[in-house]
Amino acid sequence: MNQREKAERFQALHKGPSAFVIPNPWDGGSARVLAGLGFQALATSSGAAAGVLGRRDGHITRDEALAQVRIIVAATELPVSADLEKGFGDAPSVVAETVTLAAQAGLVGCSIEDSTGNKEKPLYVFRDAVERVKAAAQAAKRLPFPFTLTARAENFLRGNPDLEDTINRLQAYENAGADVLFAPGLPDLEAVRKVCDALSRPVNFMVGIKGKSFSVAELESAGVRRISLATSLFRAAMTGLVEAAREVKEQGTFSYLERSLATPELNRYMQE
């Protein structure tokens, strides 16, 4: 498929009869496995992208993020969206430029958040946050295919668990042109339902926080259209690595081999 076909397919998923899960690979191999398991679209995770480089979330450059994006896009025929944090700059013009570069890297969508990366002032003030989304949406509209822009309200991850303000922000982002709305860290299904009821465009829910992750059926019933997995699959893979390596280092045994995929089974997902 060409990029327009992928973009149209991605948009259609948001309008389908049920919610869909969009998992988050971190390299070409994980993308191939997820595609082979039947998922219909992929999304990157900023935390996983940083982890691949041995860093913490929020500590990679735009060029580094887009380099990983190109690997994941090239690995499968699936539509790919990306977690591009705050757009790698404060100014709306920088956010717009990031959206344009994202499309050039092969993406058919991305998310932009209202977190500043500054611990002293973790969230952009309302007006600035809306202007940044507006600039991103205008850049997306100038592209020669339908680019899906997701706007994220980060209140619940950044020390301001105010549901009313979160909804106000998401409504403003919707009015500014965002195609999908997203508030990571919502505490319960009732909050999820209130967010979905307050918006007319699709809502993404992030699975990955213990005690604040719900089943596909529950989220769909609450009105969610898209379910992302954030860093959870990357953390699951790294959990397997740590457990296996600890066994070797501390016990001198290799029982993890009995639980591992055999090479021929793994190779079935890979290109020759």
C-alpha atoms as a PDB file:
ATOM      1  CA  MET A   1       0.000   0.000   0.000  1.00  0.00           C
ATOM      2  CA  ASN A   2       1.080   3.548  -0.593  1.00  0.00           C
ATOM      3  CA  GLN A   3       0.956   6.169   2.152  1.00  0.00           C
ATOM      4  CA  ARG A   4      -2.456   7.495   1.188  1.00  0.00           C
ATOM      5  CA  GLU A   5      -3.938   4.007   1.265  1.00  0.00           C
ATOM      6  CA  LYS A   6      -2.412   3.395   4.692  1.00  0.00           C
ATOM      7  CA  ALA A   7      -3.732   6.745   5.923  1.00  0.00           C
ATOM      8  CA  GLU A   8      -7.253   5.998   4.692  1.00  0.00           C
ATOM      9  CA  ARG A   9      -7.138   2.547   6.240  1.00  0.00           C
ATOM     10  CA  PHE A  10      -6.043   4.063   9.553  1.00  0.00           C
ATOM     11  CA  GLN A  11      -8.885   6.573   9.532  1.00  0.00           C
ATOM     12  CA  ALA A  12     -11.369   3.827   8.689  1.00  0.00           C
ATOM     13  CA  LEU A  13     -10.319   1.856  11.755  1.00  0.00           C
ATOM     14  CA  HIS A  14     -11.530   4.720  13.946  1.00  0.00           C
ATOM     15  CA  LYS A  15     -14.949   4.531  12.285  1.00  0.00           C
ATOM     16  CA  GLY A  16     -15.370   0.767  12.452  1.00  0.00           C
ATOM     17  CA  PRO A  17     -18.046  -1.143  14.342  1.00  0.00           C
ATOM     18  CA  SER A  18     -15.853  -1.696  17.417  1.00  0.00           C
ATOM     19  CA  ALA A  19     -12.811  -0.383  19.245  1.00  0.00           C
ATOM     20  CA  PHE A  20      -9.431  -1.488  17.954  1.00  0.00           C
ATOM     21  CA  VAL A  21      -6.143  -2.099  19.750  1.00  0.00           C
ATOM     22  CA  ILE A  22      -3.055  -0.376  18.396  1.00  0.00           C
ATOM     23  CA  PRO A  23       0.063  -1.981  19.939  1.00  0.00           C
ATOM     24  CA  ASN A  24       3.393  -0.208  20.309  1.00  0.00           C
ATOM     25  CA  PRO A  25       6.483  -1.870  18.778  1.00  0.00           C
ATOM     26  CA  TRP A  26       9.968  -0.536  19.393  1.00  0.00           C
ATOM     27  CA  ASP A  27      11.906  -1.903  16.415  1.00  0.00           C
ATOM     28  CA  GLY A  28      11.458  -3.734  13.131  1.00  0.00           C
ATOM     29  CA  GLY A  29      11.346  -7.176  14.732  1.00  0.00           C
ATOM     30  CA  SER A  30       8.630  -6.322  17.236  1.00  0.00           C
ATOM     31  CA  ALA A  31       6.669  -4.632  14.431  1.00  0.00           C
ATOM     32  CA  ARG A  32       6.868  -7.807  12.345  1.00  0.00           C
ATOM     33  CA  VAL A  33       5.655  -9.955  15.239  1.00  0.00           C
ATOM     34  CA  LEU A  34       2.698  -7.687  15.968  1.00  0.00           C
ATOM     35  CA  ALA A  35       1.729  -7.558  12.303  1.00  0.00           C
ATOM     36  CA  GLY A  36       2.014 -11.340  12.112  1.00  0.00           C
ATOM     37  CA  LEU A  37      -0.317 -11.679  15.090  1.00  0.00           C
ATOM     38  CA  GLY A  38      -3.002  -9.824  13.166  1.00  0.00           C
ATOM     39  CA  PHE A  39      -3.011  -6.285  14.530  1.00  0.00           C
ATOM     40  CA  GLN A  40      -4.268  -3.747  12.002  1.00  0.00           C
ATOM     41  CA  ALA A  41      -2.119  -0.708  12.850  1.00  0.00           C
ATOM     42  CA  LEU A  42       0.930   0.183  14.926  1.00  0.00           C
ATOM     43  CA  ALA A  43       2.055   3.110  17.066  1.00  0.00           C
ATOM     44  CA  THR A  44       5.409   4.019  18.507  1.00  0.00           C
ATOM     45  CA  SER A  45       5.960   4.769  22.186  1.00  0.00           C
ATOM     46  CA  SER A  46       8.279   7.568  23.277  1.00  0.00           C
ATOM     47  CA  GLY A  47       9.238   5.579  26.358  1.00  0.00           C
ATOM     48  CA  ALA A  48      10.111   2.494  24.342  1.00  0.00           C
ATOM     49  CA  ALA A  49      11.939   4.602  21.761  1.00  0.00           C
ATOM     50  CA  ALA A  50      14.076   6.066  24.530  1.00  0.00           C
ATOM     51  CA  GLY A  51      14.603   2.641  26.099  1.00  0.00           C
ATOM     52  CA  VAL A  52      15.975   1.249  22.834  1.00  0.00           C
ATOM     53  CA  LEU A  53      18.715   3.888  23.093  1.00  0.00           C
ATOM     54  CA  GLY A  54      19.312   3.196  26.772  1.00  0.00           C
ATOM     55  CA  ARG A  55      17.661   6.414  27.920  1.00  0.00           C
ATOM     56  CA  ARG A  56      14.617   7.506  29.868  1.00  0.00           C
ATOM     57  CA  ASP A  57      11.432   8.800  28.301  1.00  0.00           C
ATOM     58  CA  GLY A  58      11.730  12.349  27.019  1.00  0.00           C
ATOM     59  CA  HIS A  59      15.465  12.203  26.373  1.00  0.00           C
ATOM     60  CA  ILE A  60      15.775  11.586  22.653  1.00  0.00           C
ATOM     61  CA  THR A  61      15.905  14.063  19.797  1.00  0.00           C
ATOM     62  CA  ARG A  62      13.449  14.469  16.979  1.00  0.00           C
ATOM     63  CA  ASP A  63      15.966  13.031  14.524  1.00  0.00           C
ATOM     64  CA  GLU A  64      16.471   9.979  16.731  1.00  0.00           C
ATOM     65  CA  ALA A  65      12.718   9.454  17.089  1.00  0.00           C
ATOM     66  CA  LEU A  66      12.120   9.723  13.348  1.00  0.00           C
ATOM     67  CA  ALA A  67      15.022   7.363  12.598  1.00  0.00           C
ATOM     68  CA  GLN A  68      13.256   4.690  14.648  1.00  0.00           C
ATOM     69  CA  VAL A  69       9.952   5.557  12.977  1.00  0.00           C
ATOM     70  CA  ARG A  70      11.425   4.838   9.542  1.00  0.00           C
ATOM     71  CA  ILE A  71      12.556   1.379  10.659  1.00  0.00           C
ATOM     72  CA  ILE A  72       9.114   0.505  12.008  1.00  0.00           C
ATOM     73  CA  VAL A  73       7.288   1.914   8.971  1.00  0.00           C
ATOM     74  CA  ALA A  74       9.517  -0.081   6.610  1.00  0.00           C
ATOM     75  CA  ALA A  75       9.049  -3.350   8.519  1.00  0.00           C
ATOM     76  CA  THR A  76       5.377  -3.928   7.619  1.00  0.00           C
ATOM     77  CA  GLU A  77       2.532  -2.762   5.393  1.00  0.00           C
ATOM     78  CA  LEU A  78       0.534  -1.529   8.384  1.00  0.00           C
ATOM     79  CA  PRO A  79      -0.381   2.109   9.056  1.00  0.00           C
ATOM     80  CA  VAL A  80       1.900   3.601  11.723  1.00  0.00           C
ATOM     81  CA  SER A  81       1.253   6.504  14.070  1.00  0.00           C
ATOM     82  CA  ALA A  82       3.897   7.919  16.410  1.00  0.00           C
ATOM     83  CA  ASP A  83       4.154   9.297  19.909  1.00  0.00           C
ATOM     84  CA  LEU A  84       6.046  12.535  19.233  1.00  0.00           C
ATOM     85  CA  GLU A  85       5.802  13.877  22.786  1.00  0.00           C
ATOM     86  CA  LYS A  86       5.361  17.680  22.773  1.00  0.00           C
ATOM     87  CA  GLY A  87       6.475  17.944  19.153  1.00  0.00           C
ATOM     88  CA  PHE A  88      10.131  18.526  20.098  1.00  0.00           C
ATOM     89  CA  GLY A  89       9.680  22.224  20.671  1.00  0.00           C
ATOM     90  CA  ASP A  90       7.595  24.809  22.463  1.00  0.00           C
ATOM     91  CA  ALA A  91       6.661  27.079  19.571  1.00  0.00           C
ATOM     92  CA  PRO A  92       3.606  26.159  17.454  1.00  0.00           C
ATOM     93  CA  SER A  93       5.786  26.543  14.338  1.00  0.00           C
ATOM     94  CA  VAL A  94       8.118  23.802  15.596  1.00  0.00           C
ATOM     95  CA  VAL A  95       5.183  21.497  16.302  1.00  0.00           C
ATOM     96  CA  ALA A  96       3.885  22.097  12.779  1.00  0.00           C
ATOM     97  CA  GLU A  97       7.317  21.316  11.345  1.00  0.00           C
ATOM     98  CA  THR A  98       7.426  18.084  13.354  1.00  0.00           C
ATOM     99  CA  VAL A  99       4.100  16.959  11.864  1.00  0.00           C
ATOM    100  CA  THR A 100       5.414  17.633   8.355  1.00  0.00           C
ATOM    101  CA  LEU A 101       8.619  15.692   9.040  1.00  0.00           C
ATOM    102  CA  ALA A 102       6.591  12.859  10.564  1.00  0.00           C
ATOM    103  CA  ALA A 103       4.632  12.481   7.344  1.00  0.00           C
ATOM    104  CA  GLN A 104       7.854  12.536   5.322  1.00  0.00           C
ATOM    105  CA  ALA A 105       9.137   9.673   7.509  1.00  0.00           C
ATOM    106  CA  GLY A 106       6.189   7.531   6.398  1.00  0.00           C
ATOM    107  CA  LEU A 107       3.783   8.051   9.280  1.00  0.00           C
ATOM    108  CA  VAL A 108       0.028   8.416   8.789  1.00  0.00           C
ATOM    109  CA  GLY A 109      -0.588   9.903  12.226  1.00  0.00           C
ATOM    110  CA  CYS A 110       1.038  11.166  15.399  1.00  0.00           C
ATOM    111  CA  SER A 111       0.208  12.405  18.876  1.00  0.00           C
ATOM    112  CA  ILE A 112       1.164  15.775  20.346  1.00  0.00           C
ATOM    113  CA  GLU A 113       0.902  16.346  24.095  1.00  0.00           C
ATOM    114  CA  ASP A 114       0.478  19.411  26.287  1.00  0.00           C
ATOM    115  CA  SER A 115       3.290  18.489  28.665  1.00  0.00           C
ATOM    116  CA  THR A 116       6.228  20.906  28.634  1.00  0.00           C
ATOM    117  CA  GLY A 117       8.959  18.595  29.904  1.00  0.00           C
ATOM    118  CA  ASN A 118       9.671  21.190  32.617  1.00  0.00           C
ATOM    119  CA  LYS A 119       9.149  19.841  36.141  1.00  0.00           C
ATOM    120  CA  GLU A 120       8.540  23.326  37.490  1.00  0.00           C
ATOM    121  CA  LYS A 121       5.755  24.027  34.978  1.00  0.00           C
ATOM    122  CA  PRO A 122       4.755  20.601  33.628  1.00  0.00           C
ATOM    123  CA  LEU A 123       1.790  21.726  31.497  1.00  0.00           C
ATOM    124  CA  TYR A 124       1.407  24.393  28.858  1.00  0.00           C
ATOM    125  CA  VAL A 125      -1.099  27.060  29.818  1.00  0.00           C
ATOM    126  CA  PHE A 126      -4.448  26.548  28.142  1.00  0.00           C
ATOM    127  CA  ARG A 127      -4.085  29.129  25.368  1.00  0.00           C
ATOM    128  CA  ASP A 128      -0.587  28.004  24.387  1.00  0.00           C
ATOM    129  CA  ALA A 129      -1.629  24.350  24.439  1.00  0.00           C
ATOM    130  CA  VAL A 130      -4.537  25.044  22.075  1.00  0.00           C
ATOM    131  CA  GLU A 131      -2.358  27.071  19.703  1.00  0.00           C
ATOM    132  CA  ARG A 132       0.118  24.213  19.479  1.00  0.00           C
ATOM    133  CA  VAL A 133      -2.636  21.741  18.553  1.00  0.00           C
ATOM    134  CA  LYS A 134      -4.059  24.215  16.044  1.00  0.00           C
ATOM    135  CA  ALA A 135      -0.650  24.552  14.358  1.00  0.00           C
ATOM    136  CA  ALA A 136      -0.248  20.777  14.228  1.00  0.00           C
ATOM    137  CA  ALA A 137      -3.734  20.354  12.736  1.00  0.00           C
ATOM    138  CA  GLN A 138      -3.088  22.997  10.087  1.00  0.00           C
ATOM    139  CA  ALA A 139       0.170  21.276   9.120  1.00  0.00           C
ATOM    140  CA  ALA A 140      -1.671  17.947   8.901  1.00  0.00           C
ATOM    141  CA  LYS A 141      -4.345  19.461   6.651  1.00  0.00           C
ATOM    142  CA  ARG A 142      -1.688  20.690   4.217  1.00  0.00           C
ATOM    143  CA  LEU A 143      -0.451  17.125   3.604  1.00  0.00           C
ATOM    144  CA  PRO A 144      -1.507  15.280   0.428  1.00  0.00           C
ATOM    145  CA  PHE A 145      -3.219  12.505   2.411  1.00  0.00           C
ATOM    146  CA  PRO A 146      -5.437  12.336   5.546  1.00  0.00           C
ATOM    147  CA  PHE A 147      -3.000  12.495   8.463  1.00  0.00           C
ATOM    148  CA  THR A 148      -4.571  11.548  11.821  1.00  0.00           C
ATOM    149  CA  LEU A 149      -3.592  13.983  14.561  1.00  0.00           C
ATOM    150  CA  THR A 150      -4.065  12.891  18.176  1.00  0.00           C
ATOM    151  CA  ALA A 151      -4.020  15.576  20.887  1.00  0.00           C
ATOM    152  CA  ARG A 152      -3.070  14.510  24.414  1.00  0.00           C
ATOM    153  CA  ALA A 153      -4.118  16.173  27.680  1.00  0.00           C
ATOM    154  CA  GLU A 154      -1.470  15.144  30.204  1.00  0.00           C
ATOM    155  CA  ASN A 155      -3.086  16.356  33.441  1.00  0.00           C
ATOM    156  CA  PHE A 156      -3.342  12.963  35.114  1.00  0.00           C
ATOM    157  CA  LEU A 157       0.298  12.104  34.429  1.00  0.00           C
ATOM    158  CA  ARG A 158       1.666  15.525  35.400  1.00  0.00           C
ATOM    159  CA  GLY A 159       0.339  16.173  38.872  1.00  0.00           C
ATOM    160  CA  ASN A 160      -2.960  17.850  37.980  1.00  0.00           C
ATOM    161  CA  PRO A 161      -5.688  15.162  38.185  1.00  0.00           C
ATOM    162  CA  ASP A 162      -8.484  17.581  37.318  1.00  0.00           C
ATOM    163  CA  LEU A 163     -11.099  15.868  35.166  1.00  0.00           C
ATOM    164  CA  GLU A 164     -12.998  19.083  34.384  1.00  0.00           C
ATOM    165  CA  ASP A 165      -9.866  20.821  33.131  1.00  0.00           C
ATOM    166  CA  THR A 166      -8.894  17.709  31.181  1.00  0.00           C
ATOM    167  CA  ILE A 167     -12.258  17.664  29.405  1.00  0.00           C
ATOM    168  CA  ASN A 168     -12.074  21.403  28.723  1.00  0.00           C
ATOM    169  CA  ARG A 169      -8.652  20.960  27.166  1.00  0.00           C
ATOM    170  CA  LEU A 170      -9.739  18.006  25.043  1.00  0.00           C
ATOM    171  CA  GLN A 171     -12.806  19.884  23.802  1.00  0.00           C
ATOM    172  CA  ALA A 172     -10.594  22.813  22.838  1.00  0.00           C
ATOM    173  CA  TYR A 173      -8.159  20.495  21.051  1.00  0.00           C
ATOM    174  CA  GLU A 174     -11.073  18.959  19.161  1.00  0.00           C
ATOM    175  CA  ASN A 175     -12.216  22.421  18.103  1.00  0.00           C
ATOM    176  CA  ALA A 176      -8.632  23.244  17.089  1.00  0.00           C
ATOM    177  CA  GLY A 177      -8.661  20.373  14.598  1.00  0.00           C
ATOM    178  CA  ALA A 178      -7.423  17.243  16.386  1.00  0.00           C
ATOM    179  CA  ASP A 179      -8.838  14.024  14.906  1.00  0.00           C
ATOM    180  CA  VAL A 180      -8.425  11.861  18.029  1.00  0.00           C
ATOM    181  CA  LEU A 181      -8.389  12.884  21.701  1.00  0.00           C
ATOM    182  CA  PHE A 182      -6.368  11.249  24.456  1.00  0.00           C
ATOM    183  CA  ALA A 183      -6.018  11.726  28.222  1.00  0.00           C
ATOM    184  CA  PRO A 184      -3.539   9.161  29.569  1.00  0.00           C
ATOM    185  CA  GLY A 185      -3.833   8.059  33.176  1.00  0.00           C
ATOM    186  CA  LEU A 186      -7.590   8.398  33.683  1.00  0.00           C
ATOM    187  CA  PRO A 187      -8.348   6.797  37.075  1.00  0.00           C
ATOM    188  CA  ASP A 188     -11.446   4.706  36.373  1.00  0.00           C
ATOM    189  CA  LEU A 189     -14.068   3.755  33.820  1.00  0.00           C
ATOM    190  CA  GLU A 190     -16.452   6.471  34.973  1.00  0.00           C
ATOM    191  CA  ALA A 191     -13.842   9.110  34.122  1.00  0.00           C
ATOM    192  CA  VAL A 192     -13.276   7.419  30.766  1.00  0.00           C
ATOM    193  CA  ARG A 193     -17.018   7.492  30.074  1.00  0.00           C
ATOM    194  CA  LYS A 194     -17.274  11.191  30.972  1.00  0.00           C
ATOM    195  CA  VAL A 195     -14.427  12.037  28.611  1.00  0.00           C
ATOM    196  CA  CYS A 196     -15.948  10.059  25.752  1.00  0.00           C
ATOM    197  CA  ASP A 197     -19.407  11.567  26.317  1.00  0.00           C
ATOM    198  CA  ALA A 198     -17.971  15.085  26.223  1.00  0.00           C
ATOM    199  CA  LEU A 199     -16.352  14.674  22.808  1.00  0.00           C
ATOM    200  CA  SER A 200     -17.631  14.023  19.301  1.00  0.00           C
ATOM    201  CA  ARG A 201     -14.393  12.609  17.847  1.00  0.00           C
ATOM    202  CA  PRO A 202     -12.706   9.286  18.661  1.00  0.00           C
ATOM    203  CA  VAL A 203     -11.019   8.824  22.031  1.00  0.00           C
ATOM    204  CA  ASN A 204      -7.829   6.825  22.585  1.00  0.00           C
ATOM    205  CA  PHE A 205      -7.256   5.053  25.904  1.00  0.00           C
ATOM    206  CA  MET A 206      -3.799   4.023  27.090  1.00  0.00           C
ATOM    207  CA  VAL A 207      -3.405   0.577  28.662  1.00  0.00           C
ATOM    208  CA  GLY A 208      -0.245   0.173  30.699  1.00  0.00           C
ATOM    209  CA  ILE A 209      -0.794   1.492  34.233  1.00  0.00           C
ATOM    210  CA  LYS A 210      -1.457  -1.069  36.969  1.00  0.00           C
ATOM    211  CA  GLY A 211      -4.929  -0.638  38.419  1.00  0.00           C
ATOM    212  CA  LYS A 212      -5.886   1.831  35.682  1.00  0.00           C
ATOM    213  CA  SER A 213      -6.088  -0.511  32.701  1.00  0.00           C
ATOM    214  CA  PHE A 214      -9.347  -2.107  31.648  1.00  0.00           C
ATOM    215  CA  SER A 215     -10.514  -4.755  29.199  1.00  0.00           C
ATOM    216  CA  VAL A 216     -11.317  -4.048  25.567  1.00  0.00           C
ATOM    217  CA  ALA A 217     -14.994  -4.792  26.227  1.00  0.00           C
ATOM    218  CA  GLU A 218     -15.142  -2.391  29.188  1.00  0.00           C
ATOM    219  CA  LEU A 219     -13.407   0.406  27.305  1.00  0.00           C
ATOM    220  CA  GLU A 220     -15.554  -0.082  24.231  1.00  0.00           C
ATOM    221  CA  SER A 221     -18.680   0.084  26.392  1.00  0.00           C
ATOM    222  CA  ALA A 222     -17.416   3.368  27.861  1.00  0.00           C
ATOM    223  CA  GLY A 223     -17.108   4.842  24.365  1.00  0.00           C
ATOM    224  CA  VAL A 224     -13.403   4.357  23.584  1.00  0.00           C
ATOM    225  CA  ARG A 225     -12.571   3.848  19.893  1.00  0.00           C
ATOM    226  CA  ARG A 226      -8.816   3.170  20.033  1.00  0.00           C
ATOM    227  CA  ILE A 227      -6.719   1.401  22.674  1.00  0.00           C
ATOM    228  CA  SER A 228      -2.947   1.858  22.761  1.00  0.00           C
ATOM    229  CA  LEU A 229      -0.499  -0.122  24.893  1.00  0.00           C
ATOM    230  CA  ALA A 230       2.197   2.510  25.570  1.00  0.00           C
ATOM    231  CA  THR A 231       5.438   0.949  26.850  1.00  0.00           C
ATOM    232  CA  SER A 232       3.720  -2.136  28.270  1.00  0.00           C
ATOM    233  CA  LEU A 233       4.865  -4.596  25.580  1.00  0.00           C
ATOM    234  CA  PHE A 234       8.413  -3.210  25.693  1.00  0.00           C
ATOM    235  CA  ARG A 235       8.383  -3.576  29.482  1.00  0.00           C
ATOM    236  CA  ALA A 236       7.042  -7.119  29.167  1.00  0.00           C
ATOM    237  CA  ALA A 237       9.901  -7.990  26.808  1.00  0.00           C
ATOM    238  CA  MET A 238      12.460  -6.386  29.098  1.00  0.00           C
ATOM    239  CA  THR A 239      10.950  -8.240  32.061  1.00  0.00           C
ATOM    240  CA  GLY A 240      11.668 -11.493  30.231  1.00  0.00           C
ATOM    241  CA  LEU A 241      15.228 -10.334  29.550  1.00  0.00           C
ATOM    242  CA  VAL A 242      15.877  -9.352  33.180  1.00  0.00           C
ATOM    243  CA  GLU A 243      14.403 -12.591  34.554  1.00  0.00           C
ATOM    244  CA  ALA A 244      16.398 -14.772  32.153  1.00  0.00           C
ATOM    245  CA  ALA A 245      19.646 -12.882  32.713  1.00  0.00           C
ATOM    246  CA  ARG A 246      19.216 -12.981  36.492  1.00  0.00           C
ATOM    247  CA  GLU A 247      18.697 -16.730  36.365  1.00  0.00           C
ATOM    248  CA  VAL A 248      21.954 -17.168  34.433  1.00  0.00           C
ATOM    249  CA  LYS A 249      23.915 -14.752  36.628  1.00  0.00           C
ATOM    250  CA  GLU A 250      22.574 -15.817  40.011  1.00  0.00           C
ATOM    251  CA  GLN A 251      21.781 -19.508  39.557  1.00  0.00           C
ATOM    252  CA  GLY A 252      23.855 -20.634  36.611  1.00  0.00           C
ATOM    253  CA  THR A 253      20.850 -22.350  35.041  1.00  0.00           C
ATOM    254  CA  PHE A 254      18.989 -21.832  31.767  1.00  0.00           C
ATOM    255  CA  SER A 255      15.381 -22.867  32.370  1.00  0.00           C
ATOM    256  CA  TYR A 256      14.216 -19.738  30.532  1.00  0.00           C
ATOM    257  CA  LEU A 257      15.001 -21.622  27.331  1.00  0.00           C
ATOM    258  CA  GLU A 258      12.022 -23.897  27.990  1.00  0.00           C
ATOM    259  CA  ARG A 259       9.714 -20.857  27.967  1.00  0.00           C
ATOM    260  CA  SER A 260      11.250 -19.156  24.940  1.00  0.00           C
ATOM    261  CA  LEU A 261      10.086 -19.174  21.335  1.00  0.00           C
ATOM    262  CA  ALA A 262      12.201 -21.483  19.202  1.00  0.00           C
ATOM    263  CA  THR A 263      14.151 -19.748  16.444  1.00  0.00           C
ATOM    264  CA  PRO A 264      12.074 -21.309  13.610  1.00  0.00           C
ATOM    265  CA  GLU A 265       8.859 -20.136  15.295  1.00  0.00           C
ATOM    266  CA  LEU A 266      10.179 -16.593  15.693  1.00  0.00           C
ATOM    267  CA  ASN A 267      11.525 -16.581  12.142  1.00  0.00           C
ATOM    268  CA  ARG A 268       8.038 -17.154  10.774  1.00  0.00           C
ATOM    269  CA  TYR A 269       7.297 -13.512  11.570  1.00  0.00           C
ATOM    270  CA  MET A 270      10.443 -12.167   9.929  1.00  0.00           C
ATOM    271  CA  GLN A 271      11.275 -11.215   6.355  1.00  0.00           C
ATOM    272  CA  GLU A 272      13.871 -13.234   4.478  1.00  0.00           C
END
